[in-house]
C-alpha atoms as a PDB file:
ATOM      1  CA  MET A   1      47.886 -37.100  20.125  1.00  0.00           C
ATOM      2  CA  ALA A   2      48.515 -33.733  21.794  1.00  0.00           C
ATOM      3  CA  GLU A   3      49.485 -32.242  18.460  1.00  0.00           C
ATOM      4  CA  ILE A   4      45.925 -33.449  16.985  1.00  0.00           C
ATOM      5  CA  ASP A   5      44.120 -31.759  19.962  1.00  0.00           C
ATOM      6  CA  CYS A   6      45.992 -28.689  19.189  1.00  0.00           C
ATOM      7  CA  MET A   7      45.086 -28.963  15.457  1.00  0.00           C
ATOM      8  CA  GLU A   8      41.618 -29.530  16.143  1.00  0.00           C
ATOM      9  CA  LYS A   9      41.692 -26.486  18.825  1.00  0.00           C
ATOM     10  CA  THR A  10      43.061 -24.411  15.996  1.00  0.00           C
ATOM     11  CA  SER A  11      40.603 -25.491  13.366  1.00  0.00           C
ATOM     12  CA  ILE A  12      37.756 -24.785  15.704  1.00  0.00           C
ATOM     13  CA  THR A  13      39.279 -21.508  16.819  1.00  0.00           C
ATOM     14  CA  ASP A  14      39.577 -20.642  13.217  1.00  0.00           C
ATOM     15  CA  ALA A  15      35.989 -21.755  12.394  1.00  0.00           C
ATOM     16  CA  VAL A  16      34.570 -19.652  15.273  1.00  0.00           C
ATOM     17  CA  LYS A  17      36.421 -16.670  13.978  1.00  0.00           C
ATOM     18  CA  ARG A  18      35.118 -17.118  10.429  1.00  0.00           C
ATOM     19  CA  LEU A  19      31.591 -17.738  11.904  1.00  0.00           C
ATOM     20  CA  ASP A  20      32.057 -14.478  14.098  1.00  0.00           C
ATOM     21  CA  ALA A  21      33.096 -12.510  11.095  1.00  0.00           C
ATOM     22  CA  ALA A  22      30.313 -13.909   8.935  1.00  0.00           C
ATOM     23  CA  VAL A  23      27.694 -13.020  11.691  1.00  0.00           C
ATOM     24  CA  GLY A  24      29.198  -9.665  11.683  1.00  0.00           C
ATOM     25  CA  HIS A  25      28.587  -9.179   8.187  1.00  0.00           C
ATOM     26  CA  LEU A  26      25.270 -10.348   8.317  1.00  0.00           C
ATOM     27  CA  GLU A  27      24.513  -7.973  11.061  1.00  0.00           C
ATOM     28  CA  THR A  28      25.852  -5.096   9.037  1.00  0.00           C
ATOM     29  CA  ALA A  29      23.912  -6.157   6.007  1.00  0.00           C
ATOM     30  CA  VAL A  30      20.699  -6.500   8.129  1.00  0.00           C
ATOM     31  CA  GLN A  31      21.178  -3.078   9.687  1.00  0.00           C
ATOM     32  CA  ARG A  32      21.810  -1.355   6.305  1.00  0.00           C
ATOM     33  CA  ARG A  33      18.581  -3.077   4.805  1.00  0.00           C
ATOM     34  CA  MET A  34      16.670  -1.835   7.916  1.00  0.00           C
ATOM     35  CA  ASP A  35      18.163   1.661   7.413  1.00  0.00           C
ATOM     36  CA  ALA A  36      17.078   1.531   3.877  1.00  0.00           C
ATOM     37  CA  ASP A  37      13.474   0.287   4.527  1.00  0.00           C
ATOM     38  CA  ARG A  38      13.249   3.028   7.103  1.00  0.00           C
ATOM     39  CA  SER A  39      14.435   5.576   4.577  1.00  0.00           C
ATOM     40  CA  LEU A  40      11.877   4.145   1.956  1.00  0.00           C
ATOM     41  CA  ASN A  41       9.212   4.480   4.450  1.00  0.00           C
ATOM     42  CA  SER A  42      10.050   7.980   5.303  1.00  0.00           C
ATOM     43  CA  LEU A  43      10.020   8.776   1.617  1.00  0.00           C
ATOM     44  CA  GLN A  44       6.629   7.090   1.068  1.00  0.00           C
ATOM     45  CA  ASP A  45       5.480   9.135   3.971  1.00  0.00           C
ATOM     46  CA  ASP A  46       6.837  12.313   2.560  1.00  0.00           C
ATOM     47  CA  LEU A  47       5.429  11.445  -0.962  1.00  0.00           C
ATOM     48  CA  GLN A  48       2.004  10.966   0.516  1.00  0.00           C
ATOM     49  CA  ARG A  49       2.169  14.262   2.458  1.00  0.00           C
ATOM     50  CA  LEU A  50       3.136  16.040  -0.701  1.00  0.00           C
ATOM     51  CA  GLY A  51       0.403  14.364  -2.652  1.00  0.00           C
ATOM     52  CA  GLU A  52      -2.261  15.575   0.158  1.00  0.00           C
ATOM     53  CA  ASP A  53      -0.574  19.089   0.114  1.00  0.00           C
ATOM     54  CA  ARG A  54      -0.924  19.148  -3.838  1.00  0.00           C
ATOM     55  CA  SER A  55      -4.508  18.130  -3.444  1.00  0.00           C
ATOM     56  CA  GLN A  56      -5.149  20.962  -0.971  1.00  0.00           C
ATOM     57  CA  LEU A  57      -3.261  23.526  -2.906  1.00  0.00           C
ATOM     58  CA  ALA A  58      -5.325  22.402  -6.144  1.00  0.00           C
ATOM     59  CA  ALA A  59      -8.608  22.983  -4.210  1.00  0.00           C
ATOM     60  CA  SER A  60      -7.449  26.202  -2.772  1.00  0.00           C
ATOM     61  CA  LEU A  61      -6.478  27.403  -6.403  1.00  0.00           C
ATOM     62  CA  ASP A  62      -9.905  26.135  -7.770  1.00  0.00           C
ATOM     63  CA  GLU A  63     -11.516  28.382  -4.994  1.00  0.00           C
ATOM     64  CA  SER A  64      -9.346  31.262  -5.774  1.00  0.00           C
ATOM     65  CA  GLU A  65     -10.067  31.193  -9.649  1.00  0.00           C
ATOM     66  CA  ALA A  66     -13.752  30.910  -9.051  1.00  0.00           C
ATOM     67  CA  ARG A  67     -13.491  33.969  -6.693  1.00  0.00           C
ATOM     68  CA  ALA A  68     -11.535  35.872  -9.207  1.00  0.00           C
ATOM     69  CA  LEU A  69     -14.257  35.102 -11.921  1.00  0.00           C
ATOM     70  CA  ARG A  70     -17.041  36.268  -9.792  1.00  0.00           C
ATOM     71  CA  LEU A  71     -14.895  39.272  -8.877  1.00  0.00           C
ATOM     72  CA  GLU A  72     -14.403  40.086 -12.465  1.00  0.00           C
ATOM     73  CA  GLU A  73     -18.021  39.668 -13.181  1.00  0.00           C
ATOM     74  CA  ALA A  74     -18.915  41.992 -10.200  1.00  0.00           C
ATOM     75  CA  ASN A  75     -16.455  44.654 -11.597  1.00  0.00           C
ATOM     76  CA  LYS A  76     -17.962  44.381 -15.250  1.00  0.00           C
ATOM     77  CA  ASP A  77     -21.331  44.779 -13.612  1.00  0.00           C
ATOM     78  CA  VAL A  78     -20.249  47.875 -11.635  1.00  0.00           C
ATOM     79  CA  SER A  79     -18.627  49.363 -14.684  1.00  0.00           C
ATOM     80  CA  ARG A  80     -21.866  49.078 -16.676  1.00  0.00           C
ATOM     81  CA  ARG A  81     -23.934  50.602 -13.727  1.00  0.00           C
ATOM     82  CA  LEU A  82     -21.297  53.577 -13.576  1.00  0.00           C
ATOM     83  CA  VAL A  83     -21.423  54.098 -17.340  1.00  0.00           C
ATOM     84  CA  SER A  84     -25.217  53.992 -17.183  1.00  0.00           C
ATOM     85  CA  ALA A  85     -25.309  56.251 -13.979  1.00  0.00           C
ATOM     86  CA  MET A  86     -22.883  58.754 -15.772  1.00  0.00           C
ATOM     87  CA  GLU A  87     -25.107  58.836 -18.955  1.00  0.00           C
ATOM     88  CA  THR A  88     -28.191  59.572 -16.848  1.00  0.00           C
ATOM     89  CA  ILE A  89     -26.521  62.374 -14.973  1.00  0.00           C
ATOM     90  CA  ARG A  90     -25.349  63.856 -18.355  1.00  0.00           C
ATOM     91  CA  SER A  91     -28.949  63.550 -19.679  1.00  0.00           C
ATOM     92  CA  VAL A  92     -30.405  65.172 -16.639  1.00  0.00           C
ATOM     93  CA  LEU A  93     -27.729  68.025 -16.843  1.00  0.00           C
ATOM     94  CA  ASP A  94     -28.263  68.504 -20.400  1.00  0.00           C
ATOM     95  CA  ALA A  95     -32.048  68.712 -19.979  1.00  0.00           C
ATOM     96  CA  HIS A  96     -31.942  71.214 -17.422  1.00  0.00           C
ATOM     97  CA  GLY A  97     -28.960  73.377 -19.138  1.00  0.00           C
ATOM     98  CA  GLY A  98     -26.423  71.701 -17.158  1.00  0.00           C
END
């Protein structure tokens, strides 16, 4: 009878050890999954911030392009006015023996 009790204790001890090992593996797997989820959430947050930054940069680029077009038109207008003013000055100088 003592031999059966000893075998039962060994079996129970072995089962507890296997259970502890299984729980340890499960805890490790859960921790890895939680780390992966945190990493995925972090990547999703980064992706969202990049999308927002891209939108802001696109809006800024559109504004800059519009400003560049306005400046180009103003430059052309000033150039036309300068040419006209120079022609007027030449004609006045020519008319007065200049």
